Amino acid sequence: MSDSDSTHESPPSLLGRLLFASGLAVLALRNLTNLDGRIAYAEAKGVPLADRLVPASSGLLLGGSLGIGFWKLPKLSAASVTTFFVGVTPVMHDFWAVGEDSRDEELTSFLQNLVLLGAAIAFFKRAGQN
């Protein structure tokens, strides 16, 4: 690690930001291009106002991912991604409340979102140090 890597004057790794951001942007775009399906799934999970919340949360994820990738308004961007995962993960991937046939898939999705939430929190903390 060089001296410049240990300071907080430069943005986090470009490769790390681009990998994180591009994955999240693709997820958001998939939601937005299949809104009817995503809304139906959210409604089946009991999400109120799914027809408004699904596009809004997908937009939040898309905007946040782009901001992290380009390191523009990074604290707001990381907060947007964090908010998405905090709101979506326990509602949409409630592995504890589904049948045995869906439990493994929901647990995997829950844990994947938890990992992404951790990364978003790390970006938030780093953005606050710039």
Protein backbone atom coordinates (compact mmCIF):
# COMPACT_ATOMS: atom_id res chain seq x y z
CA MET A 1 0.00 0.00 0.00
CA SER A 2 1.44 3.37 -0.95
CA ASP A 3 1.19 6.49 1.17
CA SER A 4 -1.50 7.89 -1.11
CA ASP A 5 -3.60 4.74 -0.64
CA SER A 6 -3.56 5.18 3.11
CA THR A 7 -4.84 8.75 3.02
CA HIS A 8 -8.44 9.68 2.45
CA GLU A 9 -7.77 12.49 -0.01
CA SER A 10 -8.39 10.34 -3.08
CA PRO A 11 -11.54 8.40 -3.89
CA PRO A 12 -11.66 4.68 -3.18
CA SER A 13 -10.35 2.27 -5.81
CA LEU A 14 -11.76 3.03 -9.26
CA LEU A 15 -12.00 -0.67 -10.07
CA GLY A 16 -13.82 -1.39 -6.82
CA ARG A 17 -16.24 1.49 -7.37
CA LEU A 18 -16.92 0.47 -10.96
CA LEU A 19 -17.52 -3.19 -10.09
CA PHE A 20 -19.86 -2.26 -7.25
CA ALA A 21 -21.65 0.47 -9.20
CA SER A 22 -22.06 -1.47 -12.43
CA GLY A 23 -23.56 -4.46 -10.68
CA LEU A 24 -26.05 -2.29 -8.83
CA ALA A 25 -26.86 -0.25 -11.94
CA VAL A 26 -27.68 -3.44 -13.84
CA LEU A 27 -29.94 -4.59 -11.01
CA ALA A 28 -31.72 -1.24 -11.01
CA LEU A 29 -32.12 -1.22 -14.79
CA ARG A 30 -33.50 -4.77 -14.72
CA ASN A 31 -36.07 -3.61 -12.18
CA LEU A 32 -36.99 -0.60 -14.28
CA THR A 33 -37.29 -2.55 -17.53
CA ASN A 34 -39.48 -5.20 -15.90
CA LEU A 35 -41.57 -2.91 -13.72
CA ASP A 36 -44.80 -4.88 -14.02
CA GLY A 37 -43.09 -8.07 -12.90
CA ARG A 38 -41.20 -6.38 -10.08
CA ILE A 39 -44.33 -4.57 -8.91
CA ALA A 40 -46.30 -7.83 -8.93
CA TYR A 41 -43.57 -9.53 -6.89
CA ALA A 42 -43.51 -6.66 -4.39
CA GLU A 43 -47.29 -6.75 -4.10
CA ALA A 44 -47.12 -10.50 -3.45
CA LYS A 45 -44.67 -9.72 -0.62
CA GLY A 46 -47.18 -7.27 0.87
CA VAL A 47 -45.39 -4.03 -0.09
CA PRO A 48 -47.85 -1.14 0.14
CA LEU A 49 -47.93 1.26 -2.81
CA ALA A 50 -45.69 -1.11 -4.77
CA ASP A 51 -46.55 0.67 -8.02
CA ARG A 52 -44.82 3.76 -6.62
CA LEU A 53 -42.19 2.28 -4.34
CA VAL A 54 -40.66 -0.15 -6.83
CA PRO A 55 -39.79 2.50 -9.44
CA ALA A 56 -38.76 4.98 -6.73
CA SER A 57 -36.47 2.52 -4.96
CA SER A 58 -35.03 1.33 -8.27
CA GLY A 59 -34.30 4.95 -9.19
CA LEU A 60 -32.67 5.43 -5.80
CA LEU A 61 -30.46 2.42 -6.46
CA LEU A 62 -29.58 3.57 -9.98
CA GLY A 63 -28.74 7.11 -8.93
CA GLY A 64 -26.74 5.93 -5.94
CA SER A 65 -24.79 3.42 -7.97
CA LEU A 66 -23.88 5.99 -10.63
CA GLY A 67 -22.81 8.47 -7.96
CA ILE A 68 -20.53 5.91 -6.32
CA GLY A 69 -19.10 4.82 -9.66
CA PHE A 70 -18.24 8.38 -10.69
CA TRP A 71 -17.61 9.49 -7.08
CA LYS A 72 -20.04 12.40 -7.45
CA LEU A 73 -21.95 13.37 -4.31
CA PRO A 74 -20.51 10.17 -2.81
CA LYS A 75 -22.04 10.51 0.63
CA LEU A 76 -25.54 11.07 -0.78
CA SER A 77 -24.98 8.29 -3.32
CA ALA A 78 -23.84 5.79 -0.70
CA ALA A 79 -26.74 6.83 1.54
CA SER A 80 -29.13 6.16 -1.36
CA VAL A 81 -27.76 2.66 -1.87
CA THR A 82 -27.79 2.03 1.88
CA THR A 83 -31.41 3.18 2.13
CA PHE A 84 -32.37 0.88 -0.74
CA PHE A 85 -30.87 -2.19 0.93
CA VAL A 86 -32.15 -1.36 4.41
CA GLY A 87 -35.68 -0.97 3.06
CA VAL A 88 -35.75 -3.77 0.52
CA THR A 89 -33.78 -6.61 2.07
CA PRO A 90 -35.95 -7.63 5.06
CA VAL A 91 -39.21 -7.19 3.13
CA MET A 92 -38.34 -8.83 -0.17
CA HIS A 93 -36.05 -11.57 1.12
CA ASP A 94 -37.81 -12.66 4.31
CA PHE A 95 -36.35 -16.18 4.37
CA TRP A 96 -37.73 -16.74 7.87
CA ALA A 97 -41.33 -16.29 6.68
CA VAL A 98 -41.37 -18.39 3.49
CA GLY A 99 -41.93 -22.05 2.85
CA GLU A 100 -39.13 -24.59 2.80
CA ASP A 101 -39.11 -24.63 -1.03
CA SER A 102 -38.20 -20.90 -1.18
CA ARG A 103 -36.10 -20.58 1.96
CA ASP A 104 -32.64 -21.25 0.45
CA GLU A 105 -33.17 -18.84 -2.45
CA GLU A 106 -34.46 -16.09 -0.15
CA LEU A 107 -31.64 -16.65 2.35
CA THR A 108 -29.06 -16.39 -0.43
CA SER A 109 -30.61 -13.15 -1.69
CA PHE A 110 -30.82 -11.79 1.86
CA LEU A 111 -27.13 -12.53 2.49
CA GLN A 112 -26.07 -11.07 -0.86
CA ASN A 113 -27.94 -7.87 -0.03
CA LEU A 114 -26.33 -7.81 3.41
CA VAL A 115 -22.88 -7.93 1.78
CA LEU A 116 -23.82 -5.11 -0.61
CA LEU A 117 -25.21 -3.11 2.31
CA GLY A 118 -21.88 -3.50 4.10
CA ALA A 119 -20.02 -2.18 1.06
CA ALA A 120 -22.42 0.76 0.76
CA ILE A 121 -21.82 1.62 4.42
CA ALA A 122 -18.05 1.46 3.85
CA PHE A 123 -18.39 3.84 0.86
CA PHE A 124 -20.53 6.15 3.01
CA LYS A 125 -17.90 6.23 5.73
CA ARG A 126 -15.14 6.85 3.20
CA ALA A 127 -17.13 9.63 1.52
CA GLY A 128 -17.44 11.36 4.88
CA GLN A 129 -13.64 11.41 5.22
CA ASN A 130 -12.96 13.19 1.93
